[in-house]
Amino acid sequence: MELIPRHEALATTGTERATLWQSLRARLRDHLTLLKFAATGASGYVVYQLVFLLWYDSPLVWFLPDKGADVNLLVFSHGDARLLITTMVAAELSIVGVFAGHHLWTFRDRASVRRSIWLRFAQFNAKAAVSSLFILNGVVNALILGLGVLSFVAIPLGVATAFLWNWLWDSRLIWRSVERRNEGG
């Protein structure tokens, strides 16, 4: 059995190195986008928590109903009007902040399908209506009111539930990459 000298075994052509480097950069770029996505989402989480703290747990917003005040809406009733209002406002402020972060940072370098910022924001808000207003708020309200879970536990559970939904919609639809055709045949 003949051994290949070490310098020959490790030798690669310039083309092979370039291809390997391009492959590594592409994978890193994919993971970097996911990390940026998570960091931007974390900033939205901070906004949500701050608004929740300021609106629900402090007397600064004196004009809201007291904790535990029932509210009857057209199709349902809710056992805590202050909680419902607070989670809705916190979610929407978080949505606006996260959209700005994704537009200006997370997906800034992506060659995305062209569409106006207003259409993209409308799509993002519609997706967020499901993830933030229904998934996140549904989990938070159900855990707090239904199971008596503390808000600092319920909110991260709601966020974790909505994370995968958000990543798939944002990366695959709203900031969908332009598909490049294989020109080499």
Foldseek 3Di string as FASTA:
>chain_A
DDDDDPVVVPDDDPVVVVVVVVVVVVVVLVVVLVVLLVVLLVVLLVLLVVLCCCQQVDCPCVPFDHAQDWDQDDPGIARGRSLLVSQVVSLVVSLVSSLCSCCVPSLVPFQFDDDDSVVLSVQSVVLSCCLRVPQQSVQQRCCCVVVVDDNVVSNVVSSVRSVVSNCCCVDCPSRDHDDDDDPVD
